[in-house]
Amino acid sequence: MPDEPTSMQAQSNLGEAQDSVHKARRAVHQALSNTTETAVLQAENALLKAQNAVSAIADRRMQPAVEEIRNELASVQDQFNQVRFQRPTNG
């Protein structure tokens, strides 16, 4: 019984992490088409929130799902790096 709240919290954290990664992906796609500093900063902020949400999942039973989310997050991070390093610096 003591594991149930942890499991419920882990499920909640997992859902939050998935949502955060999807929001980060959308923000990065937006920044790809609109490379203003604001769009890039919004994408960076969304990525940081997603990274924090993934880090908040502490339940070891969730590791397969967490690994899948981490892989998706790494893909989003790669896309963000393309945005960050390909935009003009004339700001």
N, C-alpha and C. Protein backbone atom coordinates (compact mmCIF):
# COMPACT_ATOMS: atom_id res chain seq x y z
N MET A 1 0.80 -1.21 0.00
CA MET A 1 0.00 0.00 0.00
C MET A 1 0.85 1.28 0.00
N PRO A 2 1.97 1.36 0.71
CA PRO A 2 2.75 2.59 0.69
C PRO A 2 3.28 2.96 -0.69
N ASP A 3 3.41 1.98 -1.59
CA ASP A 3 3.92 2.27 -2.93
C ASP A 3 2.88 2.94 -3.82
N GLU A 4 1.60 2.83 -3.49
CA GLU A 4 0.57 3.37 -4.36
C GLU A 4 0.68 4.88 -4.57
N PRO A 5 0.83 5.70 -3.52
CA PRO A 5 0.95 7.14 -3.77
C PRO A 5 2.15 7.47 -4.65
N THR A 6 3.26 6.78 -4.42
CA THR A 6 4.44 7.00 -5.24
C THR A 6 4.12 6.66 -6.69
N SER A 7 3.45 5.56 -6.90
CA SER A 7 3.10 5.14 -8.24
C SER A 7 2.15 6.14 -8.90
N MET A 8 1.16 6.62 -8.14
CA MET A 8 0.24 7.62 -8.67
C MET A 8 0.98 8.91 -9.01
N GLN A 9 1.89 9.31 -8.14
CA GLN A 9 2.67 10.51 -8.39
C GLN A 9 3.58 10.30 -9.60
N ALA A 10 4.16 9.12 -9.71
CA ALA A 10 5.02 8.83 -10.85
C ALA A 10 4.22 8.86 -12.15
N GLN A 11 3.01 8.33 -12.12
CA GLN A 11 2.15 8.38 -13.31
C GLN A 11 1.85 9.83 -13.69
N SER A 12 1.56 10.63 -12.69
CA SER A 12 1.30 12.05 -12.93
C SER A 12 2.53 12.74 -13.51
N ASN A 13 3.69 12.46 -12.91
CA ASN A 13 4.94 13.04 -13.40
C ASN A 13 5.24 12.58 -14.82
N LEU A 14 4.94 11.32 -15.11
CA LEU A 14 5.16 10.78 -16.44
C LEU A 14 4.30 11.52 -17.47
N GLY A 15 3.05 11.71 -17.15
CA GLY A 15 2.15 12.45 -18.05
C GLY A 15 2.62 13.88 -18.25
N GLU A 16 3.05 14.51 -17.17
CA GLU A 16 3.56 15.88 -17.25
C GLU A 16 4.81 15.93 -18.12
N ALA A 17 5.68 14.96 -17.97
CA ALA A 17 6.90 14.92 -18.77
C ALA A 17 6.57 14.75 -20.25
N GLN A 18 5.63 13.86 -20.55
CA GLN A 18 5.23 13.65 -21.95
C GLN A 18 4.66 14.94 -22.53
N ASP A 19 3.79 15.60 -21.78
CA ASP A 19 3.21 16.86 -22.25
C ASP A 19 4.29 17.91 -22.46
N SER A 20 5.23 17.98 -21.54
CA SER A 20 6.30 18.97 -21.64
C SER A 20 7.17 18.73 -22.87
N VAL A 21 7.47 17.48 -23.14
CA VAL A 21 8.29 17.16 -24.32
C VAL A 21 7.53 17.53 -25.59
N HIS A 22 6.23 17.28 -25.63
CA HIS A 22 5.44 17.62 -26.81
C HIS A 22 5.37 19.14 -26.99
N LYS A 23 5.23 19.87 -25.89
CA LYS A 23 5.23 21.34 -25.97
C LYS A 23 6.59 21.84 -26.44
N ALA A 24 7.65 21.23 -25.96
CA ALA A 24 8.99 21.62 -26.39
C ALA A 24 9.16 21.36 -27.88
N ARG A 25 8.66 20.22 -28.35
CA ARG A 25 8.76 19.91 -29.78
C ARG A 25 8.02 20.96 -30.61
N ARG A 26 6.82 21.33 -30.17
CA ARG A 26 6.06 22.36 -30.90
C ARG A 26 6.80 23.70 -30.89
N ALA A 27 7.36 24.06 -29.76
CA ALA A 27 8.09 25.32 -29.65
C ALA A 27 9.32 25.32 -30.55
N VAL A 28 10.00 24.19 -30.63
CA VAL A 28 11.18 24.10 -31.50
C VAL A 28 10.76 24.19 -32.96
N HIS A 29 9.67 23.53 -33.33
CA HIS A 29 9.19 23.63 -34.71
C HIS A 29 8.82 25.08 -35.04
N GLN A 30 8.20 25.76 -34.08
CA GLN A 30 7.87 27.17 -34.28
C GLN A 30 9.14 27.99 -34.47
N ALA A 31 10.15 27.70 -33.69
CA ALA A 31 11.42 28.44 -33.79
C ALA A 31 12.14 28.13 -35.10
N LEU A 32 11.91 26.95 -35.66
CA LEU A 32 12.51 26.62 -36.96
C LEU A 32 11.96 27.53 -38.06
N SER A 33 10.68 27.86 -37.97
CA SER A 33 10.08 28.71 -39.00
C SER A 33 10.15 30.19 -38.65
N ASN A 34 10.34 30.49 -37.40
CA ASN A 34 10.39 31.88 -36.93
C ASN A 34 11.59 32.01 -36.02
N THR A 35 12.73 32.34 -36.58
CA THR A 35 13.97 32.29 -35.81
C THR A 35 14.26 33.58 -35.04
N THR A 36 13.20 34.27 -34.61
CA THR A 36 13.42 35.44 -33.77
C THR A 36 13.97 34.98 -32.42
N GLU A 37 14.60 35.89 -31.75
CA GLU A 37 15.16 35.57 -30.43
C GLU A 37 14.06 35.09 -29.48
N THR A 38 12.88 35.71 -29.57
CA THR A 38 11.77 35.33 -28.70
C THR A 38 11.36 33.88 -28.93
N ALA A 39 11.22 33.49 -30.19
CA ALA A 39 10.82 32.11 -30.51
C ALA A 39 11.87 31.12 -30.02
N VAL A 40 13.13 31.47 -30.20
CA VAL A 40 14.21 30.57 -29.77
C VAL A 40 14.23 30.47 -28.24
N LEU A 41 14.04 31.59 -27.56
CA LEU A 41 14.02 31.56 -26.09
C LEU A 41 12.82 30.77 -25.57
N GLN A 42 11.67 30.88 -26.23
CA GLN A 42 10.50 30.11 -25.83
C GLN A 42 10.77 28.61 -26.01
N ALA A 43 11.43 28.26 -27.09
CA ALA A 43 11.78 26.85 -27.31
C ALA A 43 12.76 26.37 -26.25
N GLU A 44 13.74 27.20 -25.94
CA GLU A 44 14.72 26.83 -24.91
C GLU A 44 14.04 26.66 -23.56
N ASN A 45 13.13 27.55 -23.22
CA ASN A 45 12.39 27.46 -21.96
C ASN A 45 11.54 26.18 -21.92
N ALA A 46 10.88 25.87 -23.01
CA ALA A 46 10.07 24.65 -23.07
C ALA A 46 10.95 23.41 -22.90
N LEU A 47 12.13 23.44 -23.49
CA LEU A 47 13.06 22.31 -23.33
C LEU A 47 13.49 22.15 -21.88
N LEU A 48 13.80 23.24 -21.22
CA LEU A 48 14.21 23.18 -19.82
C LEU A 48 13.09 22.62 -18.95
N LYS A 49 11.86 23.05 -19.20
CA LYS A 49 10.72 22.52 -18.45
C LYS A 49 10.57 21.02 -18.68
N ALA A 50 10.75 20.60 -19.92
CA ALA A 50 10.64 19.17 -20.23
C ALA A 50 11.74 18.38 -19.53
N GLN A 51 12.96 18.91 -19.54
CA GLN A 51 14.06 18.22 -18.86
C GLN A 51 13.78 18.10 -17.37
N ASN A 52 13.25 19.15 -16.76
CA ASN A 52 12.91 19.11 -15.34
C ASN A 52 11.79 18.11 -15.07
N ALA A 53 10.81 18.07 -15.93
CA ALA A 53 9.69 17.13 -15.75
C ALA A 53 10.18 15.69 -15.85
N VAL A 54 11.06 15.42 -16.79
CA VAL A 54 11.60 14.06 -16.93
C VAL A 54 12.42 13.71 -15.70
N SER A 55 13.19 14.65 -15.20
CA SER A 55 14.02 14.40 -14.02
C SER A 55 13.19 14.13 -12.77
N ALA A 56 11.95 14.62 -12.75
CA ALA A 56 11.10 14.47 -11.57
C ALA A 56 10.54 13.06 -11.41
N ILE A 57 10.68 12.23 -12.42
CA ILE A 57 10.13 10.87 -12.35
C ILE A 57 11.14 9.98 -11.63
N ALA A 58 10.84 9.66 -10.39
CA ALA A 58 11.79 8.92 -9.56
C ALA A 58 11.44 7.44 -9.41
N ASP A 59 10.26 7.05 -9.81
CA ASP A 59 9.81 5.67 -9.62
C ASP A 59 10.52 4.76 -10.63
N ARG A 60 11.31 3.83 -10.12
CA ARG A 60 12.10 2.95 -10.99
C ARG A 60 11.24 2.08 -11.89
N ARG A 61 10.02 1.81 -11.46
CA ARG A 61 9.13 0.99 -12.29
C ARG A 61 8.75 1.71 -13.58
N MET A 62 8.98 3.01 -13.62
CA MET A 62 8.64 3.81 -14.79
C MET A 62 9.81 3.93 -15.78
N GLN A 63 10.91 3.30 -15.49
CA GLN A 63 12.12 3.50 -16.30
C GLN A 63 11.94 3.22 -17.80
N PRO A 64 11.23 2.17 -18.22
CA PRO A 64 11.06 1.99 -19.67
C PRO A 64 10.36 3.19 -20.33
N ALA A 65 9.32 3.69 -19.70
CA ALA A 65 8.61 4.85 -20.24
C ALA A 65 9.49 6.10 -20.17
N VAL A 66 10.23 6.24 -19.08
CA VAL A 66 11.11 7.39 -18.92
C VAL A 66 12.19 7.37 -20.00
N GLU A 67 12.72 6.21 -20.30
CA GLU A 67 13.76 6.10 -21.33
C GLU A 67 13.21 6.52 -22.69
N GLU A 68 11.99 6.12 -22.97
CA GLU A 68 11.36 6.52 -24.24
C GLU A 68 11.20 8.04 -24.30
N ILE A 69 10.78 8.64 -23.21
CA ILE A 69 10.63 10.10 -23.16
C ILE A 69 11.99 10.77 -23.28
N ARG A 70 12.99 10.23 -22.62
CA ARG A 70 14.34 10.81 -22.72
C ARG A 70 14.85 10.78 -24.16
N ASN A 71 14.57 9.69 -24.87
CA ASN A 71 14.98 9.60 -26.27
C ASN A 71 14.28 10.66 -27.11
N GLU A 72 12.98 10.84 -26.87
CA GLU A 72 12.24 11.87 -27.60
C GLU A 72 12.79 13.26 -27.24
N LEU A 73 13.08 13.46 -25.98
CA LEU A 73 13.64 14.74 -25.54
C LEU A 73 14.99 15.00 -26.19
N ALA A 74 15.81 13.98 -26.33
CA ALA A 74 17.11 14.13 -26.99
C ALA A 74 16.92 14.54 -28.45
N SER A 75 15.92 13.99 -29.10
CA SER A 75 15.61 14.37 -30.48
C SER A 75 15.20 15.84 -30.56
N VAL A 76 14.36 16.27 -29.62
CA VAL A 76 13.94 17.67 -29.58
C VAL A 76 15.14 18.57 -29.30
N GLN A 77 16.02 18.13 -28.41
CA GLN A 77 17.22 18.91 -28.09
C GLN A 77 18.10 19.06 -29.34
N ASP A 78 18.24 18.01 -30.12
CA ASP A 78 19.00 18.08 -31.37
C ASP A 78 18.39 19.10 -32.33
N GLN A 79 17.07 19.07 -32.45
CA GLN A 79 16.39 20.04 -33.32
C GLN A 79 16.61 21.46 -32.81
N PHE A 80 16.53 21.62 -31.49
CA PHE A 80 16.74 22.95 -30.92
C PHE A 80 18.15 23.43 -31.22
N ASN A 81 19.13 22.56 -31.10
CA ASN A 81 20.51 22.94 -31.38
C ASN A 81 20.65 23.43 -32.82
N GLN A 82 19.92 22.81 -33.74
CA GLN A 82 19.95 23.27 -35.13
C GLN A 82 19.41 24.69 -35.23
N VAL A 83 18.32 24.96 -34.51
CA VAL A 83 17.74 26.31 -34.52
C VAL A 83 18.72 27.29 -33.90
N ARG A 84 19.25 26.95 -32.76
CA ARG A 84 20.12 27.85 -32.01
C ARG A 84 21.37 28.20 -32.80
N PHE A 85 21.95 27.24 -33.48
CA PHE A 85 23.24 27.47 -34.12
C PHE A 85 23.13 27.84 -35.60
N GLN A 86 21.93 27.79 -36.17
CA GLN A 86 21.78 28.15 -37.57
C GLN A 86 21.16 29.52 -37.76
N ARG A 87 20.70 30.14 -36.69
CA ARG A 87 20.06 31.43 -36.88
C ARG A 87 21.11 32.53 -37.04
N PRO A 88 20.74 33.55 -37.78
CA PRO A 88 21.66 34.67 -37.94
C PRO A 88 21.90 35.36 -36.60
N THR A 89 23.05 35.92 -36.44
CA THR A 89 23.40 36.56 -35.16
C THR A 89 23.21 38.06 -35.20
N ASN A 90 22.49 38.58 -36.18
CA ASN A 90 22.31 40.03 -36.28
C ASN A 90 21.14 40.54 -35.46
N GLY A 91 20.58 39.69 -34.61
CA GLY A 91 19.60 39.90 -33.65
C GLY A 91 18.64 40.95 -33.58
